[in-house]
C-alpha cells in the first residue's frame, strides 16, 4: 500500500537557527571596521597607525619613545621609523629629556594637534557609520561587552594590538594601503 502525504498543509519546518561564532563575528566586523577606517583616513593623508600614535601622544605629552613603544607593545626600532615619518611630516617633535639626554620626549606639534582634531572628527563619524543600525542603549551595551572581552584577553585599552607586528614603510608596510594596523595584506 502506498500512502501519499499531502505536504501543502503541513506547517513549515525551519531548521533550528544556529548562531554564528561570536569570535568570527568580532573578526569579521573588526576587519571591516579597520578597512573602512583606513579608507576614511586615506584622503587626508593618514593611516590608522598614524591615528593611534597621534592619539596616544595627545593624551601623554612628553612621553619617551621607549614608553610609547612599551604601551604599543611595539619593538622600539620599528617605532623609530614611524616617529621619523611623523616628524618629517611636521606632526611630532622630539625633544631632549632634561633628566637624561639619551631619551627623547615626544610631543605633538601644532600641526600634529590639528591633525589629531581632524582624525578625531573622522573617527567619530566612522563610529557612527559602523554602528548606524544600533540605538544608543544598544551601542552602550555593545561597548560594555566588548570592553569586558578586551579586558579578559589582556588587551590594553585604546591600543590596537596590530602595533606589535606593524611593518614600517621601509619594510614594506601595507597598512597605508589596507587600513590594517598589522600591516598584513588580505590573504597573508
Protein backbone atom coordinates (compact mmCIF):
# COMPACT_ATOMS: atom_id res chain seq x y z
CA UNK A 1 0.00 0.00 0.00
CA UNK A 2 1.29 3.46 -0.92
CA UNK A 3 0.38 6.37 1.27
CA UNK A 4 0.62 9.83 -0.20
CA UNK A 5 1.27 12.56 2.27
CA UNK A 6 -0.09 15.96 1.47
CA UNK A 7 2.63 18.39 2.49
CA UNK A 8 0.81 21.51 1.37
CA UNK A 9 -0.97 21.75 4.73
CA UNK A 10 1.99 20.99 6.95
CA UNK A 11 3.48 23.88 8.87
CA UNK A 12 6.82 24.94 7.50
CA UNK A 13 9.62 23.43 9.49
CA UNK A 14 12.52 25.78 9.74
CA UNK A 15 15.83 24.29 10.76
CA UNK A 16 16.96 25.48 14.16
CA UNK A 17 18.80 28.73 13.77
CA UNK A 18 22.40 28.34 14.79
CA UNK A 19 24.26 31.45 15.82
CA UNK A 20 27.42 32.34 14.01
CA UNK A 21 30.53 32.11 16.16
CA UNK A 22 30.98 35.27 18.21
CA UNK A 23 34.72 35.16 17.59
CA UNK A 24 34.07 35.04 13.84
CA UNK A 25 31.63 37.95 14.02
CA UNK A 26 34.12 40.01 16.03
CA UNK A 27 36.84 39.26 13.47
CA UNK A 28 34.52 39.99 10.54
CA UNK A 29 33.25 43.30 11.93
CA UNK A 30 36.71 44.28 13.19
CA UNK A 31 38.34 43.65 9.82
CA UNK A 32 35.63 45.61 8.02
CA UNK A 33 35.81 48.49 10.51
CA UNK A 34 39.61 48.66 10.11
CA UNK A 35 39.31 48.66 6.31
CA UNK A 36 36.68 51.39 6.36
CA UNK A 37 38.68 53.49 8.84
CA UNK A 38 41.73 53.21 6.58
CA UNK A 39 39.61 54.38 3.63
CA UNK A 40 38.24 57.25 5.73
CA UNK A 41 41.73 58.48 6.67
CA UNK A 42 43.42 57.99 3.28
CA UNK A 43 42.05 61.13 1.58
CA UNK A 44 43.55 63.31 4.34
CA UNK A 45 46.90 61.51 4.19
CA UNK A 46 46.84 59.46 7.40
CA UNK A 47 46.80 55.77 8.25
CA UNK A 48 45.22 54.01 11.23
CA UNK A 49 48.67 53.56 12.85
CA UNK A 50 49.29 57.33 12.46
CA UNK A 51 45.95 58.00 14.13
CA UNK A 52 46.67 55.71 17.05
CA UNK A 53 50.11 57.12 17.72
CA UNK A 54 48.95 60.73 17.46
CA UNK A 55 46.10 59.89 19.84
CA UNK A 56 48.48 58.43 22.42
CA UNK A 57 50.85 61.38 22.09
CA UNK A 58 47.93 63.77 22.52
CA UNK A 59 47.00 62.00 25.76
CA UNK A 60 50.60 61.69 27.02
CA UNK A 61 52.60 64.77 26.02
CA UNK A 62 56.32 64.36 26.67
CA UNK A 63 56.18 60.55 26.70
CA UNK A 64 59.52 58.92 25.84
CA UNK A 65 59.92 56.81 22.72
CA UNK A 66 60.70 53.82 24.95
CA UNK A 67 57.50 54.27 26.98
CA UNK A 68 55.44 54.76 23.83
CA UNK A 69 56.90 51.55 22.39
CA UNK A 70 56.06 49.73 25.64
CA UNK A 71 52.45 50.99 25.64
CA UNK A 72 52.02 50.00 22.00
CA UNK A 73 53.74 46.65 22.64
CA UNK A 74 55.86 47.55 19.63
CA UNK A 75 59.54 46.94 19.07
CA UNK A 76 61.39 50.21 19.72
CA UNK A 77 63.37 50.05 16.47
CA UNK A 78 60.15 49.83 14.45
CA UNK A 79 58.69 52.78 16.32
CA UNK A 80 61.73 54.93 15.47
CA UNK A 81 60.92 54.69 11.76
CA UNK A 82 57.25 55.58 12.38
CA UNK A 83 58.20 58.57 14.54
CA UNK A 84 60.77 59.64 11.92
CA UNK A 85 57.96 59.73 9.35
CA UNK A 86 55.59 61.68 11.64
CA UNK A 87 58.42 64.11 12.46
CA UNK A 88 59.27 64.55 8.77
CA UNK A 89 55.62 65.42 8.15
CA UNK A 90 55.72 68.05 10.90
CA UNK A 91 53.26 66.26 13.19
CA UNK A 92 55.59 65.20 16.01
CA UNK A 93 58.61 66.81 17.64
CA UNK A 94 61.37 65.01 19.53
CA UNK A 95 62.76 66.92 22.49
CA UNK A 96 65.81 66.03 24.55
CA UNK A 97 64.84 64.91 28.02
CA UNK A 98 66.21 67.32 30.63
CA UNK A 99 66.97 64.46 33.03
CA UNK A 100 68.52 62.03 30.54
CA UNK A 101 69.86 63.26 27.21
CA UNK A 102 69.76 59.71 25.80
CA UNK A 103 65.97 59.79 25.99
CA UNK A 104 63.73 61.72 23.63
CA UNK A 105 60.40 63.08 24.75
CA UNK A 106 57.70 63.15 22.10
CA UNK A 107 55.16 65.90 21.64
CA UNK A 108 52.59 66.82 19.05
CA UNK A 109 53.39 69.93 17.07
CA UNK A 110 50.68 72.48 16.35
CA UNK A 111 50.11 70.69 13.01
CA UNK A 112 50.02 67.37 14.89
CA UNK A 113 47.34 68.71 17.24
CA UNK A 114 45.30 69.93 14.28
CA UNK A 115 45.74 66.55 12.58
CA UNK A 116 44.59 64.80 15.74
CA UNK A 117 41.48 67.01 15.84
CA UNK A 118 40.66 66.19 12.22
CA UNK A 119 41.30 62.48 12.81
CA UNK A 120 39.03 62.58 15.88
CA UNK A 121 36.18 64.06 13.85
CA UNK A 122 36.66 61.40 11.16
CA UNK A 123 36.84 58.65 13.79
CA UNK A 124 33.57 59.76 15.41
CA UNK A 125 31.83 59.83 12.01
CA UNK A 126 33.29 56.38 11.25
CA UNK A 127 32.00 55.06 14.58
CA UNK A 128 28.52 56.41 13.85
CA UNK A 129 28.55 54.82 10.39
CA UNK A 130 29.68 51.42 11.71
CA UNK A 131 27.03 51.48 14.47
CA UNK A 132 24.23 53.04 12.43
CA UNK A 133 21.95 50.04 12.97
CA UNK A 134 22.08 50.34 16.77
CA UNK A 135 20.24 52.68 19.08
CA UNK A 136 22.11 54.47 21.88
CA UNK A 137 21.27 51.82 24.50
CA UNK A 138 22.50 49.03 22.20
CA UNK A 139 25.71 50.96 21.48
CA UNK A 140 26.35 51.37 25.19
CA UNK A 141 25.64 47.68 25.83
CA UNK A 142 27.86 46.55 22.95
CA UNK A 143 30.71 48.82 24.08
CA UNK A 144 30.48 47.41 27.60
CA UNK A 145 30.52 43.81 26.40
CA UNK A 146 33.44 44.43 24.03
CA UNK A 147 35.40 46.19 26.79
CA UNK A 148 34.79 43.16 29.03
CA UNK A 149 36.08 40.79 26.34
CA UNK A 150 39.10 43.04 25.64
CA UNK A 151 39.98 43.11 29.36
CA UNK A 152 39.62 39.33 29.65
CA UNK A 153 42.02 38.98 26.71
CA UNK A 154 44.52 41.32 28.37
CA UNK A 155 44.28 43.99 25.65
CA UNK A 156 45.49 47.46 26.56
CA UNK A 157 42.57 49.93 26.50
CA UNK A 158 42.72 52.19 23.44
CA UNK A 159 45.69 50.41 21.83
CA UNK A 160 45.30 48.31 18.68
CA UNK A 161 47.17 45.01 19.07
CA UNK A 162 48.45 45.33 15.49
CA UNK A 163 51.29 47.64 16.56
CA UNK A 164 53.19 44.58 17.80
CA UNK A 165 53.64 43.41 14.20
CA UNK A 166 53.48 46.77 12.42
CA UNK A 167 55.84 46.93 9.47
CA UNK A 168 57.38 50.27 8.69
CA UNK A 169 57.21 51.81 5.23
CA UNK A 170 60.83 50.86 4.75
CA UNK A 171 60.00 47.20 5.38
CA UNK A 172 57.01 47.00 3.04
CA UNK A 173 54.28 48.41 5.27
CA UNK A 174 50.93 47.65 3.72
CA UNK A 175 48.98 49.36 6.47
CA UNK A 176 48.56 52.55 4.50
CA UNK A 177 47.04 50.60 1.64
CA UNK A 178 44.90 48.17 3.65
CA UNK A 179 43.85 50.06 6.75
CA UNK A 180 45.12 47.11 8.78
CA UNK A 181 47.40 48.25 11.62
CA UNK A 182 49.15 44.89 11.49
CA UNK A 183 50.48 45.78 8.02
CA UNK A 184 49.30 42.46 6.59
CA UNK A 185 47.55 42.22 3.26
CA UNK A 186 44.44 40.16 2.85
CA UNK A 187 45.48 36.55 2.42
CA UNK A 188 48.80 36.93 4.26
